[in-house]
Protein backbone atom coordinates (compact mmCIF):
# COMPACT_ATOMS: atom_id res chain seq x y z
CA UNK A 1 0.00 0.00 0.00
CA UNK A 2 2.78 2.40 0.97
CA UNK A 3 4.78 1.47 -2.15
CA UNK A 4 1.75 2.14 -4.37
CA UNK A 5 1.17 5.50 -2.68
CA UNK A 6 4.84 6.43 -3.10
CA UNK A 7 4.71 5.48 -6.79
CA UNK A 8 1.55 7.54 -7.23
CA UNK A 9 3.23 10.58 -5.68
CA UNK A 10 6.28 10.15 -7.92
CA UNK A 11 4.05 9.93 -11.00
CA UNK A 12 2.06 13.01 -9.95
CA UNK A 13 5.23 15.01 -9.24
CA UNK A 14 6.72 13.97 -12.58
CA UNK A 15 3.59 15.08 -14.37
CA UNK A 16 3.76 18.50 -12.68
CA UNK A 17 7.44 18.91 -13.60
CA UNK A 18 6.76 17.91 -17.19
CA UNK A 19 3.90 20.39 -17.43
CA UNK A 20 6.24 23.20 -16.30
CA UNK A 21 9.05 22.13 -18.61
CA UNK A 22 7.03 22.04 -21.82
CA UNK A 23 4.70 24.46 -23.53
CA UNK A 24 4.76 28.21 -24.10
CA UNK A 25 6.00 30.66 -21.49
CA UNK A 26 4.00 33.70 -20.40
CA UNK A 27 6.47 36.31 -21.72
CA UNK A 28 8.82 36.21 -24.68
CA UNK A 29 11.23 38.54 -26.41
CA UNK A 30 9.40 41.57 -27.78
CA UNK A 31 6.58 41.59 -25.22
CA UNK A 32 5.79 44.87 -23.44
CA UNK A 33 4.19 44.80 -19.98
CA UNK A 34 2.51 47.55 -17.97
CA UNK A 35 1.96 46.98 -14.23
CA UNK A 36 -0.22 49.28 -12.11
CA UNK A 37 0.03 48.50 -8.40
CA UNK A 38 -0.70 49.58 -4.84
CA UNK A 39 1.58 48.63 -1.97
CA UNK A 40 1.88 48.38 1.80
CA UNK A 41 2.84 49.63 4.30
CA UNK A 42 3.07 53.42 4.32
CA UNK A 43 5.81 53.71 6.94
CA UNK A 44 5.51 57.48 7.41
CA UNK A 45 1.79 57.31 8.12
CA UNK A 46 2.20 54.29 10.41
CA UNK A 47 4.99 55.97 12.38
CA UNK A 48 3.02 59.21 12.82
CA UNK A 49 -0.04 57.33 14.05
CA UNK A 50 1.99 55.21 16.47
CA UNK A 51 3.52 58.34 18.01
CA UNK A 52 0.09 59.91 18.45
CA UNK A 53 -1.33 56.71 19.95
CA UNK A 54 1.12 57.21 22.82
CA UNK A 55 0.07 60.85 23.21
CA UNK A 56 -3.12 61.57 25.15
CA UNK A 57 -3.13 65.35 24.65
CA UNK A 58 -6.28 65.24 22.53
CA UNK A 59 -5.13 67.63 19.81
CA UNK A 60 -7.44 66.37 17.02
CA UNK A 61 -4.55 64.49 15.44
CA UNK A 62 -5.14 62.78 12.09
CA UNK A 63 -2.63 60.83 10.00
CA UNK A 64 -3.27 59.89 6.39
CA UNK A 65 -1.56 59.34 3.09
CA UNK A 66 -1.47 57.47 -0.21
CA UNK A 67 0.60 54.55 -1.31
CA UNK A 68 3.17 53.45 -1.96
CA UNK A 69 1.62 53.11 -5.41
CA UNK A 70 3.16 53.10 -8.83
CA UNK A 71 3.52 52.11 -12.45
CA UNK A 72 6.04 49.63 -13.86
CA UNK A 73 6.96 49.33 -17.53
CA UNK A 74 8.94 46.40 -18.89
CA UNK A 75 10.17 45.45 -22.36
CA UNK A 76 11.47 41.92 -22.93
CA UNK A 77 14.83 42.20 -24.71
CA UNK A 78 15.20 38.40 -24.48
CA UNK A 79 12.97 35.51 -23.45
CA UNK A 80 14.14 35.76 -19.84
CA UNK A 81 15.48 39.32 -19.55
CA UNK A 82 13.46 42.53 -19.41
CA UNK A 83 14.37 46.19 -18.95
CA UNK A 84 12.10 49.05 -17.99
CA UNK A 85 11.16 51.71 -15.48
CA UNK A 86 9.37 51.90 -12.15
CA UNK A 87 7.78 55.07 -10.75
CA UNK A 88 6.82 54.88 -7.06
CA UNK A 89 4.70 57.51 -5.28
CA UNK A 90 3.63 57.83 -1.66
CA UNK A 91 2.48 60.63 0.62
CA UNK A 92 2.10 61.27 4.33
CA UNK A 93 -0.33 63.86 5.72
CA UNK A 94 -0.52 64.95 9.37
CA UNK A 95 -3.20 67.28 10.73
CA UNK A 96 -3.52 68.55 14.30
CA UNK A 97 -4.52 71.56 16.36
CA UNK A 98 -2.28 73.36 18.85
CA UNK A 99 -2.75 76.16 21.37
CA UNK A 100 -0.08 78.82 20.73
CA UNK A 101 0.80 81.68 23.07
CA UNK A 102 1.61 85.18 21.82
CA UNK A 103 3.10 88.05 23.82
CA UNK A 104 1.76 91.53 23.06
CA UNK A 105 4.51 94.09 23.71
CA UNK A 106 2.09 97.04 23.60
CA UNK A 107 -0.27 95.72 26.25
CA UNK A 108 2.37 93.64 28.06
CA UNK A 109 0.03 90.62 28.10
CA UNK A 110 -0.06 87.07 26.83
CA UNK A 111 -2.84 85.72 24.62
CA UNK A 112 -3.60 82.23 23.39
CA UNK A 113 -5.01 81.03 20.09
CA UNK A 114 -5.86 77.58 18.76
CA UNK A 115 -4.25 77.04 15.36
CA UNK A 116 -4.75 74.24 12.84
CA UNK A 117 -1.60 72.72 11.31
CA UNK A 118 -1.13 70.44 8.35
CA UNK A 119 2.12 68.79 7.21
CA UNK A 120 2.23 67.16 3.78
CA UNK A 121 5.12 65.06 2.49
CA UNK A 122 5.15 63.61 -1.02
CA UNK A 123 7.84 61.20 -2.21
CA UNK A 124 8.55 60.24 -5.82
CA UNK A 125 11.08 57.62 -6.89
CA UNK A 126 11.81 56.98 -10.60
CA UNK A 127 13.99 53.93 -11.20
CA UNK A 128 15.45 52.01 -14.13
CA UNK A 129 14.65 48.30 -13.78
CA UNK A 130 16.31 45.06 -14.89
CA UNK A 131 14.35 41.82 -14.44
CA UNK A 132 15.47 38.22 -14.85
CA UNK A 133 12.56 35.84 -15.48
CA UNK A 134 12.71 32.29 -14.19
CA UNK A 135 12.44 29.40 -16.65
CA UNK A 136 8.82 28.48 -16.02
CA UNK A 137 7.12 27.15 -19.13
CA UNK A 138 3.55 28.28 -18.55
CA UNK A 139 1.36 30.52 -20.74
CA UNK A 140 -0.32 31.93 -17.61
CA UNK A 141 2.37 32.33 -14.95
CA UNK A 142 5.49 34.52 -14.89
CA UNK A 143 8.01 34.91 -12.05
CA UNK A 144 11.11 37.09 -11.86
CA UNK A 145 13.73 38.77 -9.71
CA UNK A 146 14.41 42.44 -10.35
CA UNK A 147 16.76 45.24 -9.35
CA UNK A 148 16.31 48.96 -9.83
CA UNK A 149 18.08 52.25 -9.17
CA UNK A 150 17.15 55.88 -9.70
CA UNK A 151 16.07 59.15 -8.14
CA UNK A 152 14.60 59.91 -4.73
CA UNK A 153 12.71 63.19 -4.27
CA UNK A 154 10.67 64.48 -1.33
CA UNK A 155 8.37 67.50 -1.45
CA UNK A 156 7.06 69.00 1.80
CA UNK A 157 4.42 71.60 2.58
CA UNK A 158 3.41 73.16 5.91
CA UNK A 159 0.07 74.91 6.39
CA UNK A 160 -1.10 77.00 9.35
CA UNK A 161 -4.83 77.73 9.36
CA UNK A 162 -4.84 76.98 5.64
CA UNK A 163 -1.96 79.36 4.86
CA UNK A 164 1.22 77.97 3.30
CA UNK A 165 4.16 78.67 5.63
CA UNK A 166 6.56 76.15 4.07
CA UNK A 167 9.35 78.71 3.58
CA UNK A 168 9.61 79.15 7.35
CA UNK A 169 10.42 75.51 8.23
CA UNK A 170 13.61 75.17 6.15
CA UNK A 171 12.89 71.56 5.10
CA UNK A 172 10.65 72.10 2.09
CA UNK A 173 12.38 69.73 -0.33
CA UNK A 174 15.16 68.30 1.84
CA UNK A 175 16.17 64.71 0.95
CA UNK A 176 18.82 62.86 2.94
CA UNK A 177 19.75 60.54 0.04
CA UNK A 178 19.07 61.79 -3.51
CA UNK A 179 19.07 58.27 -4.98
CA UNK A 180 17.04 55.10 -4.41
CA UNK A 181 17.52 51.38 -5.03
CA UNK A 182 15.21 48.37 -5.03
CA UNK A 183 15.50 44.59 -5.14
CA UNK A 184 12.33 42.56 -5.55
CA UNK A 185 10.83 39.17 -6.28
CA UNK A 186 7.68 39.30 -8.36
CA UNK A 187 5.07 37.21 -10.14
CA UNK A 188 2.28 37.72 -12.65
CA UNK A 189 -0.70 35.49 -13.37
CA UNK A 190 -2.58 36.07 -16.63
CA UNK A 191 -6.23 35.08 -16.46
CA UNK A 192 -6.60 36.05 -20.13
CA UNK A 193 -4.17 36.35 -23.02
CA UNK A 194 -3.24 39.96 -22.25
CA UNK A 195 -4.58 40.84 -18.79
CA UNK A 196 -3.49 39.49 -15.43
CA UNK A 197 -2.62 40.16 -11.81
CA UNK A 198 0.78 41.10 -10.41
CA UNK A 199 2.36 40.80 -6.98
CA UNK A 200 5.81 41.83 -5.78
CA UNK A 201 7.74 41.77 -2.51
CA UNK A 202 10.94 43.71 -2.02
CA UNK A 203 13.09 46.32 -0.34
CA UNK A 204 13.50 49.94 -1.40
CA UNK A 205 9.84 50.66 -2.10
CA UNK A 206 6.67 48.84 -1.11
CA UNK A 207 7.39 45.76 0.98
CA UNK A 208 4.46 44.08 -0.76
CA UNK A 209 2.39 45.28 -3.69
CA UNK A 210 -0.31 43.93 -5.97
CA UNK A 211 -2.20 45.18 -8.98
CA UNK A 212 -3.18 44.73 -12.60
CA UNK A 213 -0.89 43.76 -15.51
CA UNK A 214 -1.42 44.32 -19.22
CA UNK A 215 0.75 42.47 -21.77
CA UNK A 216 1.21 43.91 -25.25
C-alpha atoms as a PDB file:
ATOM      1  CA  UNK A   1       0.000   0.000   0.000  1.00  0.00           C
ATOM      2  CA  UNK A   2       2.779   2.395   0.969  1.00  0.00           C
ATOM      3  CA  UNK A   3       4.778   1.472  -2.154  1.00  0.00           C
ATOM      4  CA  UNK A   4       1.751   2.139  -4.375  1.00  0.00           C
ATOM      5  CA  UNK A   5       1.168   5.503  -2.676  1.00  0.00           C
ATOM      6  CA  UNK A   6       4.838   6.431  -3.100  1.00  0.00           C
ATOM      7  CA  UNK A   7       4.709   5.481  -6.790  1.00  0.00           C
ATOM      8  CA  UNK A   8       1.549   7.541  -7.229  1.00  0.00           C
ATOM      9  CA  UNK A   9       3.228  10.577  -5.676  1.00  0.00           C
ATOM     10  CA  UNK A  10       6.279  10.151  -7.916  1.00  0.00           C
ATOM     11  CA  UNK A  11       4.054   9.930 -10.996  1.00  0.00           C
ATOM     12  CA  UNK A  12       2.060  13.011  -9.953  1.00  0.00           C
ATOM     13  CA  UNK A  13       5.231  15.008  -9.239  1.00  0.00           C
ATOM     14  CA  UNK A  14       6.721  13.969 -12.579  1.00  0.00           C
ATOM     15  CA  UNK A  15       3.585  15.085 -14.365  1.00  0.00           C
ATOM     16  CA  UNK A  16       3.764  18.503 -12.684  1.00  0.00           C
ATOM     17  CA  UNK A  17       7.443  18.905 -13.601  1.00  0.00           C
ATOM     18  CA  UNK A  18       6.762  17.910 -17.191  1.00  0.00           C
ATOM     19  CA  UNK A  19       3.900  20.393 -17.425  1.00  0.00           C
ATOM     20  CA  UNK A  20       6.242  23.202 -16.296  1.00  0.00           C
ATOM     21  CA  UNK A  21       9.048  22.127 -18.606  1.00  0.00           C
ATOM     22  CA  UNK A  22       7.033  22.038 -21.817  1.00  0.00           C
ATOM     23  CA  UNK A  23       4.696  24.459 -23.528  1.00  0.00           C
ATOM     24  CA  UNK A  24       4.761  28.214 -24.101  1.00  0.00           C
ATOM     25  CA  UNK A  25       5.998  30.662 -21.494  1.00  0.00           C
ATOM     26  CA  UNK A  26       3.996  33.705 -20.401  1.00  0.00           C
ATOM     27  CA  UNK A  27       6.467  36.315 -21.719  1.00  0.00           C
ATOM     28  CA  UNK A  28       8.823  36.205 -24.681  1.00  0.00           C
ATOM     29  CA  UNK A  29      11.228  38.544 -26.406  1.00  0.00           C
ATOM     30  CA  UNK A  30       9.401  41.571 -27.780  1.00  0.00           C
ATOM     31  CA  UNK A  31       6.575  41.594 -25.220  1.00  0.00           C
ATOM     32  CA  UNK A  32       5.789  44.874 -23.438  1.00  0.00           C
ATOM     33  CA  UNK A  33       4.191  44.796 -19.975  1.00  0.00           C
ATOM     34  CA  UNK A  34       2.509  47.550 -17.967  1.00  0.00           C
ATOM     35  CA  UNK A  35       1.962  46.982 -14.227  1.00  0.00           C
ATOM     36  CA  UNK A  36      -0.217  49.279 -12.114  1.00  0.00           C
ATOM     37  CA  UNK A  37       0.026  48.500  -8.399  1.00  0.00           C
ATOM     38  CA  UNK A  38      -0.703  49.584  -4.838  1.00  0.00           C
ATOM     39  CA  UNK A  39       1.582  48.631  -1.967  1.00  0.00           C
ATOM     40  CA  UNK A  40       1.875  48.383   1.802  1.00  0.00           C
ATOM     41  CA  UNK A  41       2.843  49.625   4.302  1.00  0.00           C
ATOM     42  CA  UNK A  42       3.070  53.418   4.319  1.00  0.00           C
ATOM     43  CA  UNK A  43       5.813  53.707   6.941  1.00  0.00           C
ATOM     44  CA  UNK A  44       5.508  57.482   7.407  1.00  0.00           C
ATOM     45  CA  UNK A  45       1.791  57.314   8.119  1.00  0.00           C
ATOM     46  CA  UNK A  46       2.202  54.293  10.408  1.00  0.00           C
ATOM     47  CA  UNK A  47       4.990  55.975  12.381  1.00  0.00           C
ATOM     48  CA  UNK A  48       3.019  59.210  12.817  1.00  0.00           C
ATOM     49  CA  UNK A  49      -0.042  57.327  14.045  1.00  0.00           C
ATOM     50  CA  UNK A  50       1.988  55.213  16.473  1.00  0.00           C
ATOM     51  CA  UNK A  51       3.521  58.344  18.011  1.00  0.00           C
ATOM     52  CA  UNK A  52       0.094  59.910  18.447  1.00  0.00           C
ATOM     53  CA  UNK A  53      -1.332  56.713  19.951  1.00  0.00           C
ATOM     54  CA  UNK A  54       1.120  57.210  22.819  1.00  0.00           C
ATOM     55  CA  UNK A  55       0.069  60.853  23.206  1.00  0.00           C
ATOM     56  CA  UNK A  56      -3.124  61.573  25.152  1.00  0.00           C
ATOM     57  CA  UNK A  57      -3.125  65.348  24.653  1.00  0.00           C
ATOM     58  CA  UNK A  58      -6.283  65.244  22.534  1.00  0.00           C
ATOM     59  CA  UNK A  59      -5.130  67.627  19.806  1.00  0.00           C
ATOM     60  CA  UNK A  60      -7.436  66.366  17.016  1.00  0.00           C
ATOM     61  CA  UNK A  61      -4.549  64.491  15.438  1.00  0.00           C
ATOM     62  CA  UNK A  62      -5.144  62.779  12.086  1.00  0.00           C
ATOM     63  CA  UNK A  63      -2.632  60.830   9.997  1.00  0.00           C
ATOM     64  CA  UNK A  64      -3.274  59.887   6.391  1.00  0.00           C
ATOM     65  CA  UNK A  65      -1.564  59.339   3.087  1.00  0.00           C
ATOM     66  CA  UNK A  66      -1.473  57.472  -0.207  1.00  0.00           C
ATOM     67  CA  UNK A  67       0.605  54.553  -1.313  1.00  0.00           C
ATOM     68  CA  UNK A  68       3.166  53.450  -1.961  1.00  0.00           C
ATOM     69  CA  UNK A  69       1.622  53.106  -5.413  1.00  0.00           C
ATOM     70  CA  UNK A  70       3.156  53.100  -8.827  1.00  0.00           C
ATOM     71  CA  UNK A  71       3.517  52.115 -12.451  1.00  0.00           C
ATOM     72  CA  UNK A  72       6.043  49.627 -13.860  1.00  0.00           C
ATOM     73  CA  UNK A  73       6.957  49.325 -17.527  1.00  0.00           C
ATOM     74  CA  UNK A  74       8.941  46.397 -18.894  1.00  0.00           C
ATOM     75  CA  UNK A  75      10.168  45.451 -22.365  1.00  0.00           C
ATOM     76  CA  UNK A  76      11.472  41.922 -22.933  1.00  0.00           C
ATOM     77  CA  UNK A  77      14.826  42.199 -24.708  1.00  0.00           C
ATOM     78  CA  UNK A  78      15.198  38.398 -24.484  1.00  0.00           C
ATOM     79  CA  UNK A  79      12.970  35.511 -23.450  1.00  0.00           C
ATOM     80  CA  UNK A  80      14.136  35.761 -19.845  1.00  0.00           C
ATOM     81  CA  UNK A  81      15.475  39.323 -19.548  1.00  0.00           C
ATOM     82  CA  UNK A  82      13.462  42.529 -19.407  1.00  0.00           C
ATOM     83  CA  UNK A  83      14.366  46.192 -18.950  1.00  0.00           C
ATOM     84  CA  UNK A  84      12.101  49.045 -17.990  1.00  0.00           C
ATOM     85  CA  UNK A  85      11.156  51.709 -15.484  1.00  0.00           C
ATOM     86  CA  UNK A  86       9.369  51.902 -12.149  1.00  0.00           C
ATOM     87  CA  UNK A  87       7.783  55.069 -10.754  1.00  0.00           C
ATOM     88  CA  UNK A  88       6.825  54.881  -7.058  1.00  0.00           C
ATOM     89  CA  UNK A  89       4.695  57.506  -5.281  1.00  0.00           C
ATOM     90  CA  UNK A  90       3.628  57.834  -1.663  1.00  0.00           C
ATOM     91  CA  UNK A  91       2.475  60.632   0.617  1.00  0.00           C
ATOM     92  CA  UNK A  92       2.097  61.269   4.331  1.00  0.00           C
ATOM     93  CA  UNK A  93      -0.331  63.859   5.715  1.00  0.00           C
ATOM     94  CA  UNK A  94      -0.517  64.949   9.366  1.00  0.00           C
ATOM     95  CA  UNK A  95      -3.202  67.278  10.727  1.00  0.00           C
ATOM     96  CA  UNK A  96      -3.521  68.549  14.302  1.00  0.00           C
ATOM     97  CA  UNK A  97      -4.517  71.557  16.362  1.00  0.00           C
ATOM     98  CA  UNK A  98      -2.283  73.356  18.849  1.00  0.00           C
ATOM     99  CA  UNK A  99      -2.748  76.162  21.366  1.00  0.00           C
ATOM    100  CA  UNK A 100      -0.082  78.819  20.733  1.00  0.00           C
ATOM    101  CA  UNK A 101       0.804  81.680  23.069  1.00  0.00           C
ATOM    102  CA  UNK A 102       1.612  85.182  21.817  1.00  0.00           C
ATOM    103  CA  UNK A 103       3.097  88.055  23.815  1.00  0.00           C
ATOM    104  CA  UNK A 104       1.759  91.533  23.055  1.00  0.00           C
ATOM    105  CA  UNK A 105       4.505  94.088  23.710  1.00  0.00           C
ATOM    106  CA  UNK A 106       2.094  97.038  23.601  1.00  0.00           C
ATOM    107  CA  UNK A 107      -0.267  95.716  26.248  1.00  0.00           C
ATOM    108  CA  UNK A 108       2.371  93.635  28.061  1.00  0.00           C
ATOM    109  CA  UNK A 109       0.031  90.619  28.095  1.00  0.00           C
ATOM    110  CA  UNK A 110      -0.063  87.073  26.829  1.00  0.00           C
ATOM    111  CA  UNK A 111      -2.843  85.715  24.623  1.00  0.00           C
ATOM    112  CA  UNK A 112      -3.603  82.234  23.390  1.00  0.00           C
ATOM    113  CA  UNK A 113      -5.011  81.026  20.089  1.00  0.00           C
ATOM    114  CA  UNK A 114      -5.861  77.578  18.763  1.00  0.00           C
ATOM    115  CA  UNK A 115      -4.246  77.037  15.357  1.00  0.00           C
ATOM    116  CA  UNK A 116      -4.753  74.243  12.835  1.00  0.00           C
ATOM    117  CA  UNK A 117      -1.602  72.724  11.310  1.00  0.00           C
ATOM    118  CA  UNK A 118      -1.127  70.440   8.350  1.00  0.00           C
ATOM    119  CA  UNK A 119       2.120  68.785   7.207  1.00  0.00           C
ATOM    120  CA  UNK A 120       2.226  67.158   3.779  1.00  0.00           C
ATOM    121  CA  UNK A 121       5.122  65.064   2.491  1.00  0.00           C
ATOM    122  CA  UNK A 122       5.154  63.614  -1.019  1.00  0.00           C
ATOM    123  CA  UNK A 123       7.840  61.197  -2.206  1.00  0.00           C
ATOM    124  CA  UNK A 124       8.550  60.239  -5.816  1.00  0.00           C
ATOM    125  CA  UNK A 125      11.077  57.617  -6.892  1.00  0.00           C
ATOM    126  CA  UNK A 126      11.814  56.979 -10.595  1.00  0.00           C
ATOM    127  CA  UNK A 127      13.985  53.932 -11.204  1.00  0.00           C
ATOM    128  CA  UNK A 128      15.450  52.009 -14.126  1.00  0.00           C
ATOM    129  CA  UNK A 129      14.649  48.295 -13.780  1.00  0.00           C
ATOM    130  CA  UNK A 130      16.306  45.058 -14.886  1.00  0.00           C
ATOM    131  CA  UNK A 131      14.351  41.815 -14.442  1.00  0.00           C
ATOM    132  CA  UNK A 132      15.473  38.223 -14.847  1.00  0.00           C
ATOM    133  CA  UNK A 133      12.560  35.837 -15.477  1.00  0.00           C
ATOM    134  CA  UNK A 134      12.711  32.288 -14.188  1.00  0.00           C
ATOM    135  CA  UNK A 135      12.439  29.401 -16.653  1.00  0.00           C
ATOM    136  CA  UNK A 136       8.823  28.478 -16.019  1.00  0.00           C
ATOM    137  CA  UNK A 137       7.116  27.153 -19.128  1.00  0.00           C
ATOM    138  CA  UNK A 138       3.546  28.277 -18.553  1.00  0.00           C
ATOM    139  CA  UNK A 139       1.362  30.524 -20.735  1.00  0.00           C
ATOM    140  CA  UNK A 140      -0.322  31.929 -17.615  1.00  0.00           C
ATOM    141  CA  UNK A 141       2.373  32.326 -14.951  1.00  0.00           C
ATOM    142  CA  UNK A 142       5.488  34.519 -14.892  1.00  0.00           C
ATOM    143  CA  UNK A 143       8.010  34.912 -12.054  1.00  0.00           C
ATOM    144  CA  UNK A 144      11.109  37.089 -11.860  1.00  0.00           C
ATOM    145  CA  UNK A 145      13.735  38.775  -9.706  1.00  0.00           C
ATOM    146  CA  UNK A 146      14.411  42.436 -10.352  1.00  0.00           C
ATOM    147  CA  UNK A 147      16.759  45.241  -9.348  1.00  0.00           C
ATOM    148  CA  UNK A 148      16.314  48.960  -9.829  1.00  0.00           C
ATOM    149  CA  UNK A 149      18.078  52.251  -9.170  1.00  0.00           C
ATOM    150  CA  UNK A 150      17.146  55.877  -9.696  1.00  0.00           C
ATOM    151  CA  UNK A 151      16.066  59.147  -8.145  1.00  0.00           C
ATOM    152  CA  UNK A 152      14.595  59.913  -4.729  1.00  0.00           C
ATOM    153  CA  UNK A 153      12.710  63.194  -4.269  1.00  0.00           C
ATOM    154  CA  UNK A 154      10.672  64.481  -1.332  1.00  0.00           C
ATOM    155  CA  UNK A 155       8.372  67.503  -1.451  1.00  0.00           C
ATOM    156  CA  UNK A 156       7.062  69.005   1.801  1.00  0.00           C
ATOM    157  CA  UNK A 157       4.425  71.598   2.581  1.00  0.00           C
ATOM    158  CA  UNK A 158       3.410  73.161   5.912  1.00  0.00           C
ATOM    159  CA  UNK A 159       0.067  74.907   6.392  1.00  0.00           C
ATOM    160  CA  UNK A 160      -1.096  77.002   9.350  1.00  0.00           C
ATOM    161  CA  UNK A 161      -4.829  77.728   9.355  1.00  0.00           C
ATOM    162  CA  UNK A 162      -4.843  76.983   5.636  1.00  0.00           C
ATOM    163  CA  UNK A 163      -1.958  79.364   4.858  1.00  0.00           C
ATOM    164  CA  UNK A 164       1.223  77.966   3.299  1.00  0.00           C
ATOM    165  CA  UNK A 165       4.163  78.670   5.631  1.00  0.00           C
ATOM    166  CA  UNK A 166       6.559  76.154   4.071  1.00  0.00           C
ATOM    167  CA  UNK A 167       9.346  78.705   3.579  1.00  0.00           C
ATOM    168  CA  UNK A 168       9.614  79.152   7.345  1.00  0.00           C
ATOM    169  CA  UNK A 169      10.423  75.511   8.233  1.00  0.00           C
ATOM    170  CA  UNK A 170      13.614  75.166   6.153  1.00  0.00           C
ATOM    171  CA  UNK A 171      12.885  71.565   5.103  1.00  0.00           C
ATOM    172  CA  UNK A 172      10.651  72.103   2.095  1.00  0.00           C
ATOM    173  CA  UNK A 173      12.382  69.726  -0.334  1.00  0.00           C
ATOM    174  CA  UNK A 174      15.164  68.302   1.837  1.00  0.00           C
ATOM    175  CA  UNK A 175      16.166  64.715   0.955  1.00  0.00           C
ATOM    176  CA  UNK A 176      18.818  62.860   2.935  1.00  0.00           C
ATOM    177  CA  UNK A 177      19.749  60.537   0.039  1.00  0.00           C
ATOM    178  CA  UNK A 178      19.070  61.791  -3.511  1.00  0.00           C
ATOM    179  CA  UNK A 179      19.067  58.270  -4.983  1.00  0.00           C
ATOM    180  CA  UNK A 180      17.042  55.103  -4.413  1.00  0.00           C
ATOM    181  CA  UNK A 181      17.519  51.381  -5.025  1.00  0.00           C
ATOM    182  CA  UNK A 182      15.205  48.370  -5.034  1.00  0.00           C
ATOM    183  CA  UNK A 183      15.496  44.594  -5.137  1.00  0.00           C
ATOM    184  CA  UNK A 184      12.328  42.561  -5.548  1.00  0.00           C
ATOM    185  CA  UNK A 185      10.825  39.169  -6.279  1.00  0.00           C
ATOM    186  CA  UNK A 186       7.676  39.302  -8.365  1.00  0.00           C
ATOM    187  CA  UNK A 187       5.074  37.214 -10.143  1.00  0.00           C
ATOM    188  CA  UNK A 188       2.284  37.717 -12.652  1.00  0.00           C
ATOM    189  CA  UNK A 189      -0.703  35.487 -13.373  1.00  0.00           C
ATOM    190  CA  UNK A 190      -2.580  36.068 -16.626  1.00  0.00           C
ATOM    191  CA  UNK A 191      -6.231  35.081 -16.455  1.00  0.00           C
ATOM    192  CA  UNK A 192      -6.603  36.052 -20.126  1.00  0.00           C
ATOM    193  CA  UNK A 193      -4.173  36.349 -23.018  1.00  0.00           C
ATOM    194  CA  UNK A 194      -3.235  39.959 -22.250  1.00  0.00           C
ATOM    195  CA  UNK A 195      -4.581  40.841 -18.794  1.00  0.00           C
ATOM    196  CA  UNK A 196      -3.493  39.493 -15.428  1.00  0.00           C
ATOM    197  CA  UNK A 197      -2.621  40.160 -11.805  1.00  0.00           C
ATOM    198  CA  UNK A 198       0.784  41.098 -10.406  1.00  0.00           C
ATOM    199  CA  UNK A 199       2.363  40.802  -6.976  1.00  0.00           C
ATOM    200  CA  UNK A 200       5.814  41.834  -5.782  1.00  0.00           C
ATOM    201  CA  UNK A 201       7.742  41.770  -2.512  1.00  0.00           C
ATOM    202  CA  UNK A 202      10.936  43.713  -2.025  1.00  0.00           C
ATOM    203  CA  UNK A 203      13.088  46.323  -0.340  1.00  0.00           C
ATOM    204  CA  UNK A 204      13.505  49.939  -1.401  1.00  0.00           C
ATOM    205  CA  UNK A 205       9.836  50.662  -2.097  1.00  0.00           C
ATOM    206  CA  UNK A 206       6.667  48.843  -1.105  1.00  0.00           C
ATOM    207  CA  UNK A 207       7.388  45.757   0.980  1.00  0.00           C
ATOM    208  CA  UNK A 208       4.463  44.078  -0.755  1.00  0.00           C
ATOM    209  CA  UNK A 209       2.387  45.281  -3.688  1.00  0.00           C
ATOM    210  CA  UNK A 210      -0.312  43.931  -5.969  1.00  0.00           C
ATOM    211  CA  UNK A 211      -2.200  45.179  -8.976  1.00  0.00           C
ATOM    212  CA  UNK A 212      -3.175  44.733 -12.601  1.00  0.00           C
ATOM    213  CA  UNK A 213      -0.891  43.759 -15.505  1.00  0.00           C
ATOM    214  CA  UNK A 214      -1.416  44.322 -19.222  1.00  0.00           C
ATOM    215  CA  UNK A 215       0.746  42.475 -21.765  1.00  0.00           C
ATOM    216  CA  UNK A 216       1.210  43.906 -25.248  1.00  0.00           C
END
